[in-house]
């Protein structure tokens, strides 16, 4: 199942995700270590959390914090999973702006002393 926030962030509807593994929206750049640890959580249970690039319905990717948590039944067997995706695009955008402001003069847009020294 998914909520309206998931649909807003990714563009995927409930019909798109039903019966598919939670990592199907992972962008191709997902590292092998992340994929293997995610597969291990799906088979054995537990929790998984990583920053990764996810893919929207239209094919564009975005930075996200992905979380997968297994839920166990009374017999201590994994019954299902809860997956969360937090869009980090606004945070990355602000970081990029701050990085630019730290290295450029706001009046002239020329590189400042800090950038010149670093290069």
Protein backbone atom coordinates (compact mmCIF):
# COMPACT_ATOMS: atom_id res chain seq x y z
CA UNK A 1 0.00 0.00 0.00
CA UNK A 2 1.09 3.62 -0.28
CA UNK A 3 -0.14 6.97 0.92
CA UNK A 4 -0.76 10.18 -1.01
CA UNK A 5 2.63 11.63 -0.03
CA UNK A 6 4.40 8.71 -1.69
CA UNK A 7 2.37 9.26 -4.84
CA UNK A 8 3.16 13.00 -4.76
CA UNK A 9 6.92 12.43 -4.33
CA UNK A 10 7.38 9.56 -6.79
CA UNK A 11 4.38 9.77 -9.12
CA UNK A 12 3.75 6.04 -8.57
CA UNK A 13 0.21 5.01 -7.69
CA UNK A 14 -0.91 2.00 -5.68
CA UNK A 15 -1.50 0.07 -8.92
CA UNK A 16 2.13 0.74 -9.95
CA UNK A 17 3.67 -0.64 -6.77
CA UNK A 18 1.44 -3.58 -5.83
CA UNK A 19 3.31 -6.87 -5.97
CA UNK A 20 6.66 -5.25 -6.69
CA UNK A 21 9.72 -5.23 -4.42
CA UNK A 22 10.35 -1.95 -2.57
CA UNK A 23 13.60 -1.35 -4.46
CA UNK A 24 11.99 -1.23 -7.92
CA UNK A 25 12.08 2.58 -7.81
CA UNK A 26 15.81 2.60 -7.07
CA UNK A 27 17.82 4.46 -9.69
CA UNK A 28 20.41 2.40 -11.56
CA UNK A 29 23.18 4.19 -9.64
CA UNK A 30 22.30 2.32 -6.42
CA UNK A 31 25.53 0.78 -5.15
CA UNK A 32 25.92 -3.00 -4.97
CA UNK A 33 26.58 -2.88 -1.20
CA UNK A 34 23.24 -1.15 -0.67
CA UNK A 35 21.39 -3.64 -2.87
CA UNK A 36 22.94 -6.68 -1.17
CA UNK A 37 22.18 -5.37 2.34
CA UNK A 38 18.63 -4.54 1.23
CA UNK A 39 18.17 -8.07 -0.14
CA UNK A 40 19.50 -9.49 3.12
CA UNK A 41 16.93 -7.48 5.13
CA UNK A 42 14.15 -8.70 2.86
CA UNK A 43 15.15 -12.32 3.38
CA UNK A 44 16.07 -12.28 7.10
CA UNK A 45 14.22 -9.29 8.54
CA UNK A 46 15.54 -6.29 10.41
CA UNK A 47 15.99 -2.65 9.45
CA UNK A 48 17.78 -0.92 6.61
CA UNK A 49 18.44 2.76 6.01
CA UNK A 50 20.51 4.50 3.35
CA UNK A 51 20.72 7.62 1.27
CA UNK A 52 20.18 6.78 -2.38
CA UNK A 53 18.76 8.01 -5.65
CA UNK A 54 15.21 6.95 -6.41
CA UNK A 55 13.38 7.09 -9.71
CA UNK A 56 10.11 8.91 -10.26
CA UNK A 57 7.36 7.66 -12.57
CA UNK A 58 8.65 9.93 -15.35
CA UNK A 59 12.16 8.41 -15.12
CA UNK A 60 13.91 11.32 -13.38
CA UNK A 61 15.91 10.53 -10.27
CA UNK A 62 16.01 12.36 -6.96
CA UNK A 63 18.05 12.03 -3.76
CA UNK A 64 16.17 10.29 -0.98
CA UNK A 65 16.59 8.72 2.40
CA UNK A 66 15.23 5.20 2.08
CA UNK A 67 14.17 3.07 5.04
CA UNK A 68 12.95 -0.52 5.05
CA UNK A 69 11.68 -2.11 8.26
CA UNK A 70 10.46 -5.67 8.62
CA UNK A 71 7.34 -6.35 10.66
CA UNK A 72 7.06 -9.71 12.39
CA UNK A 73 3.95 -11.65 13.30
CA UNK A 74 3.32 -13.43 16.62
CA UNK A 75 5.45 -16.38 15.51
CA UNK A 76 8.44 -14.05 15.02
CA UNK A 77 8.31 -14.57 11.24
CA UNK A 78 8.51 -11.60 8.88
CA UNK A 79 4.96 -10.90 7.75
CA UNK A 80 5.50 -7.70 5.76
CA UNK A 81 7.67 -4.62 5.34
CA UNK A 82 7.22 -0.90 5.81
CA UNK A 83 9.21 1.24 3.41
CA UNK A 84 9.70 4.99 3.75
CA UNK A 85 11.21 7.42 1.27
CA UNK A 86 12.08 10.98 2.24
CA UNK A 87 12.77 13.38 -0.63
CA UNK A 88 16.07 15.16 0.00
CA UNK A 89 15.85 17.41 -3.11
CA UNK A 90 15.01 20.60 -1.17
CA UNK A 91 17.91 20.00 1.22
CA UNK A 92 20.37 19.33 -1.63
CA UNK A 93 19.16 22.47 -3.41
CA UNK A 94 19.80 24.64 -0.34
CA UNK A 95 23.22 23.00 0.14
CA UNK A 96 24.14 23.85 -3.46
CA UNK A 97 23.05 27.48 -2.97
CA UNK A 98 25.03 27.78 0.27
CA UNK A 99 28.09 26.26 -1.40
CA UNK A 100 27.82 28.81 -4.20
CA UNK A 101 27.37 31.72 -1.76
CA UNK A 102 30.38 30.56 0.24
CA UNK A 103 32.60 30.71 -2.84
CA UNK A 104 31.26 33.67 -4.84
CA UNK A 105 30.84 37.37 -4.26
CA UNK A 106 27.10 38.12 -3.97
CA UNK A 107 27.42 41.49 -5.75
CA UNK A 108 29.62 40.57 -8.72
CA UNK A 109 29.14 36.78 -8.86
CA UNK A 110 32.92 36.46 -9.22
CA UNK A 111 34.84 33.77 -7.32
CA UNK A 112 35.90 35.01 -3.90
CA UNK A 113 39.20 34.60 -2.08
CA UNK A 114 38.18 31.28 -0.53
CA UNK A 115 37.48 29.68 -3.91
CA UNK A 116 40.64 31.14 -5.40
CA UNK A 117 42.70 29.81 -2.51
CA UNK A 118 41.13 26.35 -2.78
CA UNK A 119 41.86 26.14 -6.48
